[in-house]
Amino acid sequence: MCLAPTASSKPTKSGGGKQKKWSKGRQKEKVNNTVIFDQDTYDKLLTKVPKYKQITPSVLSERLRINGSLARRAIKDLMERGLIRMVSIQSSQQIFTRATNTATSHVNIQLYFIVE
């Protein structure tokens, strides 16, 4: 014999509150980054970027309004010129910083200790 489920075995609606209202979907605004350097952006790349403390492709893309592949090529160009140096590289993230003359800073520290 097969028994029919009774009313008490059915799942009941708990709460009795209102249904959840879904918020309007927000869309990310489309960025219009350039894919080739114009003269102003290239001059800014050579003058201002080597003074940044942290240089990554995403930083260049955001500040100079260039796309990611152009930012990676710009970093490679600055590395070849000796204007920036590598701090860390992983599979997906490259971090660079401004190239400082570390040899002279060590000399200044050693001279400071010699004077005292």
PDB file of N, CA and C in Angstrom:
ATOM      1  N   MET A   1       0.813  -1.183   0.000  1.00  0.00           N
ATOM      2  CA  MET A   1       0.000   0.000   0.000  1.00  0.00           C
ATOM      3  C   MET A   1       0.854   1.243   0.000  1.00  0.00           C
ATOM      4  N   CYS A   2       0.395   2.153  -0.757  1.00  0.00           N
ATOM      5  CA  CYS A   2       1.127   3.410  -0.870  1.00  0.00           C
ATOM      6  C   CYS A   2       0.369   4.488  -0.111  1.00  0.00           C
ATOM      7  N   LEU A   3       1.056   5.143   0.768  1.00  0.00           N
ATOM      8  CA  LEU A   3       0.411   6.183   1.555  1.00  0.00           C
ATOM      9  C   LEU A   3       0.637   7.545   0.911  1.00  0.00           C
ATOM     10  N   ALA A   4      -0.365   8.339   0.859  1.00  0.00           N
ATOM     11  CA  ALA A   4      -0.241   9.701   0.320  1.00  0.00           C
ATOM     12  C   ALA A   4       0.344  10.604   1.395  1.00  0.00           C
ATOM     13  N   PRO A   5       1.164  11.548   1.002  1.00  0.00           N
ATOM     14  CA  PRO A   5       1.747  12.431   2.009  1.00  0.00           C
ATOM     15  C   PRO A   5       0.675  13.289   2.673  1.00  0.00           C
ATOM     16  N   THR A   6       0.816  13.431   3.945  1.00  0.00           N
ATOM     17  CA  THR A   6      -0.154  14.225   4.688  1.00  0.00           C
ATOM     18  C   THR A   6       0.191  15.699   4.580  1.00  0.00           C
ATOM     19  N   ALA A   7      -0.688  16.527   5.031  1.00  0.00           N
ATOM     20  CA  ALA A   7      -0.502  17.976   4.926  1.00  0.00           C
ATOM     21  C   ALA A   7       0.676  18.440   5.775  1.00  0.00           C
ATOM     22  N   SER A   8       0.956  17.729   6.855  1.00  0.00           N
ATOM     23  CA  SER A   8       2.030  18.166   7.739  1.00  0.00           C
ATOM     24  C   SER A   8       3.412  17.864   7.170  1.00  0.00           C
ATOM     25  N   SER A   9       3.512  16.934   6.220  1.00  0.00           N
ATOM     26  CA  SER A   9       4.821  16.598   5.680  1.00  0.00           C
ATOM     27  C   SER A   9       5.235  17.515   4.527  1.00  0.00           C
ATOM     28  N   LYS A  10       4.318  18.357   4.045  1.00  0.00           N
ATOM     29  CA  LYS A  10       4.671  19.287   2.979  1.00  0.00           C
ATOM     30  C   LYS A  10       5.480  20.443   3.557  1.00  0.00           C
ATOM     31  N   PRO A  11       6.442  20.963   2.790  1.00  0.00           N
ATOM     32  CA  PRO A  11       7.202  22.106   3.304  1.00  0.00           C
ATOM     33  C   PRO A  11       6.308  23.335   3.393  1.00  0.00           C
ATOM     34  N   THR A  12       6.412  24.000   4.493  1.00  0.00           N
ATOM     35  CA  THR A  12       5.591  25.192   4.690  1.00  0.00           C
ATOM     36  C   THR A  12       6.441  26.431   4.469  1.00  0.00           C
ATOM     37  N   LYS A  13       5.767  27.493   4.123  1.00  0.00           N
ATOM     38  CA  LYS A  13       6.471  28.760   3.905  1.00  0.00           C
ATOM     39  C   LYS A  13       6.761  29.369   5.265  1.00  0.00           C
ATOM     40  N   SER A  14       8.013  29.587   5.532  1.00  0.00           N
ATOM     41  CA  SER A  14       8.372  30.148   6.824  1.00  0.00           C
ATOM     42  C   SER A  14       8.492  31.658   6.691  1.00  0.00           C
ATOM     43  N   GLY A  15       8.293  32.347   7.726  1.00  0.00           N
ATOM     44  CA  GLY A  15       8.484  33.792   7.699  1.00  0.00           C
ATOM     45  C   GLY A  15       7.214  34.531   7.363  1.00  0.00           C
ATOM     46  N   GLY A  16       6.840  34.554   6.155  1.00  0.00           N
ATOM     47  CA  GLY A  16       5.686  35.332   5.760  1.00  0.00           C
ATOM     48  C   GLY A  16       6.097  36.752   5.405  1.00  0.00           C
ATOM     49  N   GLY A  17       7.401  36.976   5.251  1.00  0.00           N
ATOM     50  CA  GLY A  17       7.881  38.310   4.893  1.00  0.00           C
ATOM     51  C   GLY A  17       7.729  38.570   3.416  1.00  0.00           C
ATOM     52  N   LYS A  18       8.162  39.741   3.012  1.00  0.00           N
ATOM     53  CA  LYS A  18       8.055  40.130   1.611  1.00  0.00           C
ATOM     54  C   LYS A  18       9.122  39.431   0.788  1.00  0.00           C
ATOM     55  N   GLN A  19       8.865  39.341  -0.498  1.00  0.00           N
ATOM     56  CA  GLN A  19       9.865  38.762  -1.379  1.00  0.00           C
ATOM     57  C   GLN A  19      11.007  39.752  -1.560  1.00  0.00           C
ATOM     58  N   LYS A  20      12.191  39.210  -1.830  1.00  0.00           N
ATOM     59  CA  LYS A  20      13.370  40.056  -2.010  1.00  0.00           C
ATOM     60  C   LYS A  20      13.235  40.846  -3.305  1.00  0.00           C
ATOM     61  N   LYS A  21      13.527  42.125  -3.223  1.00  0.00           N
ATOM     62  CA  LYS A  21      13.502  42.960  -4.416  1.00  0.00           C
ATOM     63  C   LYS A  21      14.922  43.058  -4.958  1.00  0.00           C
ATOM     64  N   TRP A  22      15.078  42.789  -6.215  1.00  0.00           N
ATOM     65  CA  TRP A  22      16.397  42.818  -6.837  1.00  0.00           C
ATOM     66  C   TRP A  22      16.728  44.242  -7.239  1.00  0.00           C
ATOM     67  N   SER A  23      17.958  44.616  -6.973  1.00  0.00           N
ATOM     68  CA  SER A  23      18.377  45.968  -7.343  1.00  0.00           C
ATOM     69  C   SER A  23      18.679  46.030  -8.837  1.00  0.00           C
ATOM     70  N   LYS A  24      18.682  47.222  -9.355  1.00  0.00           N
ATOM     71  CA  LYS A  24      18.993  47.404 -10.768  1.00  0.00           C
ATOM     72  C   LYS A  24      20.453  47.047 -10.997  1.00  0.00           C
ATOM     73  N   GLY A  25      20.726  46.345 -12.068  1.00  0.00           N
ATOM     74  CA  GLY A  25      22.093  45.948 -12.377  1.00  0.00           C
ATOM     75  C   GLY A  25      22.928  47.147 -12.800  1.00  0.00           C
ATOM     76  N   ARG A  26      24.061  47.294 -12.199  1.00  0.00           N
ATOM     77  CA  ARG A  26      24.962  48.384 -12.556  1.00  0.00           C
ATOM     78  C   ARG A  26      25.900  47.885 -13.632  1.00  0.00           C
ATOM     79  N   GLN A  27      26.107  48.682 -14.654  1.00  0.00           N
ATOM     80  CA  GLN A  27      27.025  48.298 -15.708  1.00  0.00           C
ATOM     81  C   GLN A  27      28.291  49.116 -15.588  1.00  0.00           C
ATOM     82  N   LYS A  28      29.414  48.454 -15.771  1.00  0.00           N
ATOM     83  CA  LYS A  28      30.703  49.126 -15.719  1.00  0.00           C
ATOM     84  C   LYS A  28      30.839  50.005 -16.953  1.00  0.00           C
ATOM     85  N   GLU A  29      31.323  51.224 -16.734  1.00  0.00           N
ATOM     86  CA  GLU A  29      31.446  52.117 -17.880  1.00  0.00           C
ATOM     87  C   GLU A  29      32.601  51.684 -18.770  1.00  0.00           C
ATOM     88  N   LYS A  30      32.427  51.867 -20.026  1.00  0.00           N
ATOM     89  CA  LYS A  30      33.411  51.439 -21.023  1.00  0.00           C
ATOM     90  C   LYS A  30      34.554  52.438 -21.045  1.00  0.00           C
ATOM     91  N   VAL A  31      35.786  51.943 -20.876  1.00  0.00           N
ATOM     92  CA  VAL A  31      36.945  52.817 -20.956  1.00  0.00           C
ATOM     93  C   VAL A  31      37.387  52.907 -22.406  1.00  0.00           C
ATOM     94  N   ASN A  32      37.853  54.056 -22.766  1.00  0.00           N
ATOM     95  CA  ASN A  32      38.284  54.275 -24.139  1.00  0.00           C
ATOM     96  C   ASN A  32      39.786  54.533 -24.132  1.00  0.00           C
ATOM     97  N   ASN A  33      40.562  53.491 -23.867  1.00  0.00           N
ATOM     98  CA  ASN A  33      42.007  53.635 -23.802  1.00  0.00           C
ATOM     99  C   ASN A  33      42.606  53.585 -25.200  1.00  0.00           C
ATOM    100  N   THR A  34      43.673  54.357 -25.398  1.00  0.00           N
ATOM    101  CA  THR A  34      44.295  54.403 -26.714  1.00  0.00           C
ATOM    102  C   THR A  34      45.158  53.170 -26.935  1.00  0.00           C
ATOM    103  N   VAL A  35      45.360  52.818 -28.190  1.00  0.00           N
ATOM    104  CA  VAL A  35      46.148  51.642 -28.532  1.00  0.00           C
ATOM    105  C   VAL A  35      47.466  52.028 -29.187  1.00  0.00           C
ATOM    106  N   ILE A  36      47.710  53.322 -29.335  1.00  0.00           N
ATOM    107  CA  ILE A  36      48.963  53.793 -29.913  1.00  0.00           C
ATOM    108  C   ILE A  36      49.322  55.105 -29.220  1.00  0.00           C
ATOM    109  N   PHE A  37      50.616  55.342 -29.036  1.00  0.00           N
ATOM    110  CA  PHE A  37      51.055  56.554 -28.357  1.00  0.00           C
ATOM    111  C   PHE A  37      50.910  57.768 -29.257  1.00  0.00           C
ATOM    112  N   ASP A  38      50.379  58.859 -28.701  1.00  0.00           N
ATOM    113  CA  ASP A  38      50.520  60.142 -29.361  1.00  0.00           C
ATOM    114  C   ASP A  38      51.697  60.858 -28.694  1.00  0.00           C
ATOM    115  N   GLN A  39      52.103  61.990 -29.215  1.00  0.00           N
ATOM    116  CA  GLN A  39      53.330  62.635 -28.743  1.00  0.00           C
ATOM    117  C   GLN A  39      53.218  63.071 -27.283  1.00  0.00           C
ATOM    118  N   ASP A  40      52.069  63.605 -26.880  1.00  0.00           N
ATOM    119  CA  ASP A  40      51.902  64.061 -25.498  1.00  0.00           C
ATOM    120  C   ASP A  40      52.005  62.903 -24.511  1.00  0.00           C
ATOM    121  N   THR A  41      51.359  61.800 -24.821  1.00  0.00           N
ATOM    122  CA  THR A  41      51.393  60.640 -23.929  1.00  0.00           C
ATOM    123  C   THR A  41      52.792  60.045 -23.854  1.00  0.00           C
ATOM    124  N   TYR A  42      53.491  60.022 -24.971  1.00  0.00           N
ATOM    125  CA  TYR A  42      54.845  59.468 -24.979  1.00  0.00           C
ATOM    126  C   TYR A  42      55.796  60.351 -24.172  1.00  0.00           C
ATOM    127  N   ASP A  43      55.644  61.678 -24.279  1.00  0.00           N
ATOM    128  CA  ASP A  43      56.466  62.583 -23.473  1.00  0.00           C
ATOM    129  C   ASP A  43      56.181  62.395 -21.989  1.00  0.00           C
ATOM    130  N   LYS A  44      54.912  62.211 -21.644  1.00  0.00           N
ATOM    131  CA  LYS A  44      54.539  61.970 -20.251  1.00  0.00           C
ATOM    132  C   LYS A  44      55.120  60.648 -19.759  1.00  0.00           C
ATOM    133  N   LEU A  45      55.157  59.654 -20.647  1.00  0.00           N
ATOM    134  CA  LEU A  45      55.734  58.353 -20.297  1.00  0.00           C
ATOM    135  C   LEU A  45      57.208  58.497 -19.940  1.00  0.00           C
ATOM    136  N   LEU A  46      57.936  59.275 -20.716  1.00  0.00           N
ATOM    137  CA  LEU A  46      59.374  59.402 -20.491  1.00  0.00           C
ATOM    138  C   LEU A  46      59.722  60.330 -19.331  1.00  0.00           C
ATOM    139  N   THR A  47      58.849  61.283 -18.997  1.00  0.00           N
ATOM    140  CA  THR A  47      59.186  62.241 -17.947  1.00  0.00           C
ATOM    141  C   THR A  47      58.567  61.891 -16.595  1.00  0.00           C
ATOM    142  N   LYS A  48      57.274  61.583 -16.564  1.00  0.00           N
ATOM    143  CA  LYS A  48      56.590  61.398 -15.282  1.00  0.00           C
ATOM    144  C   LYS A  48      56.620  59.968 -14.765  1.00  0.00           C
ATOM    145  N   VAL A  49      56.530  58.997 -15.660  1.00  0.00           N
ATOM    146  CA  VAL A  49      56.430  57.599 -15.217  1.00  0.00           C
ATOM    147  C   VAL A  49      57.674  57.141 -14.456  1.00  0.00           C
ATOM    148  N   PRO A  50      58.900  57.492 -14.867  1.00  0.00           N
ATOM    149  CA  PRO A  50      60.058  57.041 -14.079  1.00  0.00           C
ATOM    150  C   PRO A  50      60.112  57.610 -12.666  1.00  0.00           C
ATOM    151  N   LYS A  51      59.256  58.568 -12.339  1.00  0.00           N
ATOM    152  CA  LYS A  51      59.219  59.138 -10.992  1.00  0.00           C
ATOM    153  C   LYS A  51      58.180  58.472 -10.104  1.00  0.00           C
ATOM    154  N   TYR A  52      57.342  57.590 -10.672  1.00  0.00           N
ATOM    155  CA  TYR A  52      56.346  56.879  -9.878  1.00  0.00           C
ATOM    156  C   TYR A  52      57.044  55.916  -8.932  1.00  0.00           C
ATOM    157  N   LYS A  53      56.470  55.731  -7.736  1.00  0.00           N
ATOM    158  CA  LYS A  53      57.033  54.757  -6.798  1.00  0.00           C
ATOM    159  C   LYS A  53      56.750  53.334  -7.244  1.00  0.00           C
ATOM    160  N   GLN A  54      55.534  53.084  -7.691  1.00  0.00           N
ATOM    161  CA  GLN A  54      55.145  51.743  -8.118  1.00  0.00           C
ATOM    162  C   GLN A  54      54.663  51.817  -9.559  1.00  0.00           C
ATOM    163  N   ILE A  55      55.261  50.992 -10.410  1.00  0.00           N
ATOM    164  CA  ILE A  55      54.924  50.997 -11.830  1.00  0.00           C
ATOM    165  C   ILE A  55      54.494  49.586 -12.214  1.00  0.00           C
ATOM    166  N   THR A  56      53.253  49.461 -12.614  1.00  0.00           N
ATOM    167  CA  THR A  56      52.723  48.202 -13.121  1.00  0.00           C
ATOM    168  C   THR A  56      51.950  48.509 -14.402  1.00  0.00           C
ATOM    169  N   PRO A  57      51.665  47.496 -15.210  1.00  0.00           N
ATOM    170  CA  PRO A  57      50.855  47.764 -16.403  1.00  0.00           C
ATOM    171  C   PRO A  57      49.489  48.367 -16.077  1.00  0.00           C
ATOM    172  N   SER A  58      48.897  47.961 -14.973  1.00  0.00           N
ATOM    173  CA  SER A  58      47.589  48.517 -14.624  1.00  0.00           C
ATOM    174  C   SER A  58      47.686  49.977 -14.200  1.00  0.00           C
ATOM    175  N   VAL A  59      48.775  50.363 -13.520  1.00  0.00           N
ATOM    176  CA  VAL A  59      48.968  51.764 -13.141  1.00  0.00           C
ATOM    177  C   VAL A  59      49.132  52.628 -14.384  1.00  0.00           C
ATOM    178  N   LEU A  60      49.952  52.163 -15.331  1.00  0.00           N
ATOM    179  CA  LEU A  60      50.145  52.928 -16.565  1.00  0.00           C
ATOM    180  C   LEU A  60      48.846  53.018 -17.356  1.00  0.00           C
ATOM    181  N   SER A  61      48.108  51.943 -17.404  1.00  0.00           N
ATOM    182  CA  SER A  61      46.851  51.932 -18.141  1.00  0.00           C
ATOM    183  C   SER A  61      45.855  52.925 -17.548  1.00  0.00           C
ATOM    184  N   GLU A  62      45.819  52.999 -16.232  1.00  0.00           N
ATOM    185  CA  GLU A  62      44.871  53.886 -15.571  1.00  0.00           C
ATOM    186  C   GLU A  62      45.288  55.348 -15.682  1.00  0.00           C
ATOM    187  N   ARG A  63      46.555  55.640 -15.472  1.00  0.00           N
ATOM    188  CA  ARG A  63      46.997  57.039 -15.438  1.00  0.00           C
ATOM    189  C   ARG A  63      47.217  57.644 -16.816  1.00  0.00           C
ATOM    190  N   LEU A  64      47.709  56.851 -17.764  1.00  0.00           N
ATOM    191  CA  LEU A  64      47.986  57.381 -19.096  1.00  0.00           C
ATOM    192  C   LEU A  64      46.858  57.105 -20.082  1.00  0.00           C
ATOM    193  N   ARG A  65      45.848  56.351 -19.668  1.00  0.00           N
ATOM    194  CA  ARG A  65      44.728  55.981 -20.537  1.00  0.00           C
ATOM    195  C   ARG A  65      45.200  55.239 -21.787  1.00  0.00           C
ATOM    196  N   ILE A  66      46.045  54.224 -21.562  1.00  0.00           N
ATOM    197  CA  ILE A  66      46.503  53.361 -22.649  1.00  0.00           C
ATOM    198  C   ILE A  66      46.046  51.947 -22.325  1.00  0.00           C
ATOM    199  N   ASN A  67      46.001  51.071 -23.338  1.00  0.00           N
ATOM    200  CA  ASN A  67      45.540  49.710 -23.052  1.00  0.00           C
ATOM    201  C   ASN A  67      46.679  48.873 -22.465  1.00  0.00           C
ATOM    202  N   GLY A  68      46.350  47.684 -21.990  1.00  0.00           N
ATOM    203  CA  GLY A  68      47.305  46.868 -21.244  1.00  0.00           C
ATOM    204  C   GLY A  68      48.505  46.420 -22.048  1.00  0.00           C
ATOM    205  N   SER A  69      48.298  46.037 -23.306  1.00  0.00           N
ATOM    206  CA  SER A  69      49.435  45.574 -24.107  1.00  0.00           C
ATOM    207  C   SER A  69      50.399  46.718 -24.400  1.00  0.00           C
ATOM    208  N   LEU A  70      49.876  47.920 -24.606  1.00  0.00           N
ATOM    209  CA  LEU A  70      50.736  49.081 -24.826  1.00  0.00           C
ATOM    210  C   LEU A  70      51.489  49.435 -23.546  1.00  0.00           C
ATOM    211  N   ALA A  71      50.856  49.253 -22.395  1.00  0.00           N
ATOM    212  CA  ALA A  71      51.517  49.515 -21.117  1.00  0.00           C
ATOM    213  C   ALA A  71      52.670  48.539 -20.892  1.00  0.00           C
ATOM    214  N   ARG A  72      52.488  47.267 -21.254  1.00  0.00           N
ATOM    215  CA  ARG A  72      53.572  46.291 -21.095  1.00  0.00           C
ATOM    216  C   ARG A  72      54.743  46.625 -22.008  1.00  0.00           C
ATOM    217  N   ARG A  73      54.454  47.055 -23.223  1.00  0.00           N
ATOM    218  CA  ARG A  73      55.538  47.442 -24.137  1.00  0.00           C
ATOM    219  C   ARG A  73      56.246  48.700 -23.654  1.00  0.00           C
ATOM    220  N   ALA A  74      55.509  49.627 -23.065  1.00  0.00           N
ATOM    221  CA  ALA A  74      56.109  50.849 -22.534  1.00  0.00           C
ATOM    222  C   ALA A  74      57.044  50.523 -21.377  1.00  0.00           C
ATOM    223  N   ILE A  75      56.644  49.586 -20.527  1.00  0.00           N
ATOM    224  CA  ILE A  75      57.497  49.177 -19.409  1.00  0.00           C
ATOM    225  C   ILE A  75      58.767  48.529 -19.929  1.00  0.00           C
ATOM    226  N   LYS A  76      58.640  47.709 -20.953  1.00  0.00           N
ATOM    227  CA  LYS A  76      59.814  47.070 -21.543  1.00  0.00           C
ATOM    228  C   LYS A  76      60.773  48.119 -22.112  1.00  0.00           C
ATOM    229  N   ASP A  77      60.212  49.157 -22.738  1.00  0.00           N
ATOM    230  CA  ASP A  77      61.025  50.238 -23.300  1.00  0.00           C
ATOM    231  C   ASP A  77      61.745  51.016 -22.197  1.00  0.00           C
ATOM    232  N   LEU A  78      61.041  51.311 -21.102  1.00  0.00           N
ATOM    233  CA  LEU A  78      61.660  52.032 -19.991  1.00  0.00           C
ATOM    234  C   LEU A  78      62.745  51.198 -19.315  1.00  0.00           C
ATOM    235  N   MET A  79      62.546  49.872 -19.264  1.00  0.00           N
ATOM    236  CA  MET A  79      63.575  48.992 -18.702  1.00  0.00           C
ATOM    237  C   MET A  79      64.837  49.021 -19.552  1.00  0.00           C
ATOM    238  N   GLU A  80      64.672  48.982 -20.886  1.00  0.00           N
ATOM    239  CA  GLU A  80      65.832  49.005 -21.777  1.00  0.00           C
ATOM    240  C   GLU A  80      66.589  50.320 -21.670  1.00  0.00           C
ATOM    241  N   ARG A  81      65.880  51.402 -21.412  1.00  0.00           N
ATOM    242  CA  ARG A  81      66.530  52.711 -21.253  1.00  0.00           C
ATOM    243  C   ARG A  81      67.174  52.870 -19.876  1.00  0.00           C
ATOM    244  N   GLY A  82      66.860  51.989 -18.948  1.00  0.00           N
ATOM    245  CA  GLY A  82      67.430  52.064 -17.612  1.00  0.00           C
ATOM    246  C   GLY A  82      66.728  53.061 -16.710  1.00  0.00           C
ATOM    247  N   LEU A  83      65.507  53.449 -17.048  1.00  0.00           N
ATOM    248  CA  LEU A  83      64.783  54.438 -16.256  1.00  0.00           C
ATOM    249  C   LEU A  83      64.016  53.811 -15.096  1.00  0.00           C
ATOM    250  N   ILE A  84      63.689  52.517 -15.198  1.00  0.00           N
ATOM    251  CA  ILE A  84      62.997  51.817 -14.121  1.00  0.00           C
ATOM    252  C   ILE A  84      63.691  50.487 -13.884  1.00  0.00           C
ATOM    253  N   ARG A  85      63.420  49.890 -12.704  1.00  0.00           N
ATOM    254  CA  ARG A  85      64.003  48.584 -12.411  1.00  0.00           C
ATOM    255  C   ARG A  85      62.916  47.666 -11.874  1.00  0.00           C
ATOM    256  N   MET A  86      63.156  46.371 -12.029  1.00  0.00           N
ATOM    257  CA  MET A  86      62.175  45.370 -11.635  1.00  0.00           C
ATOM    258  C   MET A  86      62.255  45.104 -10.137  1.00  0.00           C
ATOM    259  N   VAL A  87      61.103  45.027  -9.505  1.00  0.00           N
ATOM    260  CA  VAL A  87      61.026  44.680  -8.091  1.00  0.00           C
ATOM    261  C   VAL A  87      60.606  43.224  -7.944  1.00  0.00           C
ATOM    262  N   SER A  88      59.530  42.848  -8.637  1.00  0.00           N
ATOM    263  CA  SER A  88      59.003  41.494  -8.524  1.00  0.00           C
ATOM    264  C   SER A  88      58.311  41.128  -9.824  1.00  0.00           C
ATOM    265  N   ILE A  89      58.422  39.853 -10.182  1.00  0.00           N
ATOM    266  CA  ILE A  89      57.700  39.364 -11.356  1.00  0.00           C
ATOM    267  C   ILE A  89      57.133  37.996 -11.026  1.00  0.00           C
ATOM    268  N   GLN A  90      55.854  37.827 -11.339  1.00  0.00           N
ATOM    269  CA  GLN A  90      55.193  36.547 -11.187  1.00  0.00           C
ATOM    270  C   GLN A  90      54.530  36.228 -12.505  1.00  0.00           C
ATOM    271  N   SER A  91      53.763  35.188 -12.543  1.00  0.00           N
ATOM    272  CA  SER A  91      53.188  34.766 -13.819  1.00  0.00           C
ATOM    273  C   SER A  91      52.251  35.813 -14.399  1.00  0.00           C
ATOM    274  N   SER A  92      51.512  36.493 -13.555  1.00  0.00           N
ATOM    275  CA  SER A  92      50.519  37.426 -14.078  1.00  0.00           C
ATOM    276  C   SER A  92      50.759  38.872 -13.684  1.00  0.00           C
ATOM    277  N   GLN A  93      51.663  39.153 -12.764  1.00  0.00           N
ATOM    278  CA  GLN A  93      51.851  40.520 -12.287  1.00  0.00           C
ATOM    279  C   GLN A  93      53.323  40.880 -12.299  1.00  0.00           C
ATOM    280  N   GLN A  94      53.628  42.039 -12.854  1.00  0.00           N
ATOM    281  CA  GLN A  94      54.992  42.553 -12.872  1.00  0.00           C
ATOM    282  C   GLN A  94      54.996  43.872 -12.117  1.00  0.00           C
ATOM    283  N   ILE A  95      55.944  44.041 -11.202  1.00  0.00           N
ATOM    284  CA  ILE A  95      56.031  45.263 -10.411  1.00  0.00           C
ATOM    285  C   ILE A  95      57.402  45.872 -10.632  1.00  0.00           C
ATOM    286  N   PHE A  96      57.413  47.159 -10.941  1.00  0.00           N
ATOM    287  CA  PHE A  96      58.642  47.893 -11.182  1.00  0.00           C
ATOM    288  C   PHE A  96      58.643  49.131 -10.308  1.00  0.00           C
ATOM    289  N   THR A  97      59.812  49.756 -10.184  1.00  0.00           N
ATOM    290  CA  THR A  97      59.920  51.016  -9.466  1.00  0.00           C
ATOM    291  C   THR A  97      60.946  51.881 -10.167  1.00  0.00           C
ATOM    292  N   ARG A  98      61.065  53.102  -9.697  1.00  0.00           N
ATOM    293  CA  ARG A  98      62.010  54.013 -10.343  1.00  0.00           C
ATOM    294  C   ARG A  98      63.428  53.529 -10.101  1.00  0.00           C
ATOM    295  N   ALA A  99      64.282  53.772 -11.072  1.00  0.00           N
ATOM    296  CA  ALA A  99      65.673  53.340 -10.956  1.00  0.00           C
ATOM    297  C   ALA A  99      66.424  54.385 -10.153  1.00  0.00           C
ATOM    298  N   THR A 100      66.896  53.990  -9.003  1.00  0.00           N
ATOM    299  CA  THR A 100      67.698  54.889  -8.182  1.00  0.00           C
ATOM    300  C   THR A 100      69.128  54.409  -8.218  1.00  0.00           C
ATOM    301  N   ASN A 101      70.017  55.316  -8.002  1.00  0.00           N
ATOM    302  CA  ASN A 101      71.428  54.949  -7.995  1.00  0.00           C
ATOM    303  C   ASN A 101      71.752  54.420  -6.608  1.00  0.00           C
ATOM    304  N   THR A 102      71.618  53.132  -6.419  1.00  0.00           N
ATOM    305  CA  THR A 102      71.810  52.538  -5.097  1.00  0.00           C
ATOM    306  C   THR A 102      73.276  52.518  -4.691  1.00  0.00           C
ATOM    307  N   ALA A 103      74.183  52.532  -5.643  1.00  0.00           N
ATOM    308  CA  ALA A 103      75.607  52.511  -5.308  1.00  0.00           C
ATOM    309  C   ALA A 103      75.999  53.787  -4.573  1.00  0.00           C
ATOM    310  N   THR A 104      75.516  54.939  -5.017  1.00  0.00           N
ATOM    311  CA  THR A 104      75.861  56.184  -4.345  1.00  0.00           C
ATOM    312  C   THR A 104      75.195  56.286  -2.986  1.00  0.00           C
ATOM    313  N   SER A 105      74.014  55.735  -2.813  1.00  0.00           N
ATOM    314  CA  SER A 105      73.374  55.805  -1.507  1.00  0.00           C
ATOM    315  C   SER A 105      74.157  54.982  -0.484  1.00  0.00           C
ATOM    316  N   HIS A 106      74.730  53.838  -0.898  1.00  0.00           N
ATOM    317  CA  HIS A 106      75.558  53.058   0.020  1.00  0.00           C
ATOM    318  C   HIS A 106      76.838  53.812   0.354  1.00  0.00           C
ATOM    319  N   VAL A 107      77.402  54.512  -0.605  1.00  0.00           N
ATOM    320  CA  VAL A 107      78.615  55.286  -0.354  1.00  0.00           C
ATOM    321  C   VAL A 107      78.329  56.392   0.642  1.00  0.00           C
ATOM    322  N   ASN A 108      77.205  57.076   0.502  1.00  0.00           N
ATOM    323  CA  ASN A 108      76.858  58.146   1.425  1.00  0.00           C
ATOM    324  C   ASN A 108      76.662  57.613   2.837  1.00  0.00           C
ATOM    325  N   ILE A 109      76.064  56.459   2.980  1.00  0.00           N
ATOM    326  CA  ILE A 109      75.866  55.867   4.301  1.00  0.00           C
ATOM    327  C   ILE A 109      77.207  55.493   4.912  1.00  0.00           C
ATOM    328  N   GLN A 110      78.107  54.936   4.124  1.00  0.00           N
ATOM    329  CA  GLN A 110      79.410  54.555   4.647  1.00  0.00           C
ATOM    330  C   GLN A 110      80.204  55.793   5.054  1.00  0.00           C
ATOM    331  N   LEU A 111      80.135  56.856   4.280  1.00  0.00           N
ATOM    332  CA  LEU A 111      80.836  58.082   4.641  1.00  0.00           C
ATOM    333  C   LEU A 111      80.271  58.674   5.920  1.00  0.00           C
ATOM    334  N   TYR A 112      78.983  58.560   6.130  1.00  0.00           N
ATOM    335  CA  TYR A 112      78.352  59.063   7.327  1.00  0.00           C
ATOM    336  C   TYR A 112      78.890  58.337   8.557  1.00  0.00           C
ATOM    337  N   PHE A 113      79.070  57.036   8.457  1.00  0.00           N
ATOM    338  CA  PHE A 113      79.588  56.278   9.584  1.00  0.00           C
ATOM    339  C   PHE A 113      81.070  56.546   9.810  1.00  0.00           C
ATOM    340  N   ILE A 114      81.799  56.839   8.757  1.00  0.00           N
ATOM    341  CA  ILE A 114      83.223  57.117   8.904  1.00  0.00           C
ATOM    342  C   ILE A 114      83.442  58.450   9.606  1.00  0.00           C
ATOM    343  N   VAL A 115      82.612  59.443   9.323  1.00  0.00           N
ATOM    344  CA  VAL A 115      82.768  60.772   9.914  1.00  0.00           C
ATOM    345  C   VAL A 115      82.559  60.720  11.410  1.00  0.00           C
ATOM    346  N   GLU A 116      81.591  59.973  11.854  1.00  0.00           N
ATOM    347  CA  GLU A 116      81.344  59.891  13.295  1.00  0.00           C
ATOM    348  C   GLU A 116      82.303  58.944  13.873  1.00  0.00           C
TER     349      GLU A 116
END
